[in-house]
Amino acid sequence: MSWPGSGPGSGPGSGPGSGPGSGASSEAWCGPGSDATFAGAATRLAGLAALALGWRPDDFWRATPAELAAPGAALAPDRPRPPDAALRARLQEMFPDG
């Protein structure tokens, strides 16, 4: 079984909005030679799930978004809280841009 999005016509620049004049650059999104389409992102995530979790393609495609997020949340450090209004005001005073 092959990974979805890995067949002919699924390479870099093959997705909607990636044609000439679209302003879309797969290199800007994902690095040199990467595919910035949904299929490319899903294929990379499926590969990570296979390596990190031992999931087969069918396991990945049947998983809910919550099931996909849970292992990452369990392994990731706690996120810092966003800046509150007082900190934002102080930063705006320190770094005026307008």
Protein backbone atom coordinates (compact mmCIF):
# COMPACT_ATOMS: atom_id res chain seq x y z
CA MET A 1 0.00 0.00 0.00
CA SER A 2 1.37 3.43 -0.88
CA TRP A 3 0.85 6.65 1.03
CA PRO A 4 -1.92 8.89 -0.31
CA GLY A 5 -0.55 11.88 -2.18
CA SER A 6 2.65 10.10 -3.19
CA GLY A 7 1.66 9.13 -6.72
CA PRO A 8 2.21 10.83 -10.06
CA GLY A 9 1.13 14.46 -10.16
CA SER A 10 1.43 14.95 -6.41
CA GLY A 11 4.89 16.49 -6.36
CA PRO A 12 5.91 20.05 -5.59
CA GLY A 13 3.92 22.67 -7.40
CA SER A 14 1.14 20.31 -8.46
CA GLY A 15 -1.59 21.48 -6.09
CA PRO A 16 -4.22 24.16 -6.52
CA GLY A 17 -2.89 27.67 -6.09
CA SER A 18 0.67 26.67 -6.84
CA GLY A 19 0.82 27.63 -10.49
CA PRO A 20 2.64 30.55 -12.07
CA GLY A 21 1.61 33.88 -10.62
CA SER A 22 -0.05 32.33 -7.58
CA GLY A 23 2.54 33.67 -5.18
CA ALA A 24 2.67 30.23 -3.53
CA SER A 25 6.13 28.83 -2.96
CA SER A 26 6.58 25.37 -1.51
CA GLU A 27 10.12 26.30 -0.51
CA ALA A 28 8.84 29.26 1.51
CA TRP A 29 6.39 27.01 3.36
CA CYS A 30 8.29 23.78 3.86
CA GLY A 31 11.90 24.17 2.79
CA PRO A 32 13.75 23.37 -0.42
CA GLY A 33 12.13 20.69 -2.56
CA SER A 34 9.09 20.32 -0.27
CA ASP A 35 5.48 19.99 -1.30
CA ALA A 36 3.26 22.72 0.23
CA THR A 37 -0.02 21.12 -0.84
CA PHE A 38 -2.49 19.45 1.50
CA ALA A 39 -1.41 16.08 0.10
CA GLY A 40 2.23 16.89 0.80
CA ALA A 41 1.52 17.99 4.37
CA ALA A 42 -0.68 14.94 5.01
CA THR A 43 2.00 12.64 3.62
CA ARG A 44 4.64 14.17 5.90
CA LEU A 45 2.34 13.87 8.93
CA ALA A 46 1.51 10.28 8.02
CA GLY A 47 5.23 9.53 7.79
CA LEU A 48 5.82 11.07 11.21
CA ALA A 49 2.96 9.02 12.67
CA ALA A 50 4.48 5.89 11.16
CA LEU A 51 7.95 6.61 12.56
CA ALA A 52 6.98 7.96 15.97
CA LEU A 53 3.88 5.88 16.72
CA GLY A 54 4.25 2.82 14.53
CA TRP A 55 1.00 3.65 12.72
CA ARG A 56 0.22 2.08 9.36
CA PRO A 57 -1.35 4.31 6.66
CA ASP A 58 -4.82 2.96 7.50
CA ASP A 59 -4.33 3.88 11.18
CA PHE A 60 -3.40 7.42 10.20
CA TRP A 61 -6.31 8.00 7.81
CA ARG A 62 -8.88 6.60 10.27
CA ALA A 63 -7.61 8.70 13.20
CA THR A 64 -9.60 11.70 14.39
CA PRO A 65 -7.91 15.09 14.72
CA ALA A 66 -7.91 14.62 18.51
CA GLU A 67 -6.17 11.24 18.15
CA LEU A 68 -3.55 12.84 15.89
CA ALA A 69 -2.94 15.70 18.33
CA ALA A 70 -2.83 13.66 21.56
CA PRO A 71 0.66 12.08 21.15
CA GLY A 72 2.19 15.43 20.21
CA ALA A 73 0.54 17.17 23.13
CA ALA A 74 1.77 14.48 25.50
CA LEU A 75 5.36 14.84 24.28
CA ALA A 76 5.46 18.63 23.86
CA PRO A 77 6.40 20.91 26.72
CA ASP A 78 3.75 23.19 28.15
CA ARG A 79 3.16 26.29 26.09
CA PRO A 80 3.76 29.66 27.68
CA ARG A 81 0.72 31.86 28.20
CA PRO A 82 0.17 34.58 25.60
CA PRO A 83 1.13 38.09 26.68
CA ASP A 84 -1.55 39.91 28.66
CA ALA A 85 -2.78 43.45 27.91
CA ALA A 86 -0.27 45.09 30.26
CA LEU A 87 2.70 43.37 28.64
CA ARG A 88 1.44 44.16 25.14
CA ALA A 89 1.04 47.85 26.09
CA ARG A 90 4.56 47.94 27.57
CA LEU A 91 6.02 46.31 24.45
CA GLN A 92 4.16 48.76 22.20
CA GLU A 93 5.70 51.63 24.16
CA MET A 94 9.16 50.07 23.93
CA PHE A 95 8.89 49.25 20.22
CA PRO A 96 6.59 51.75 18.49
CA ASP A 97 6.13 50.93 14.82
CA GLY A 98 3.67 53.44 13.60
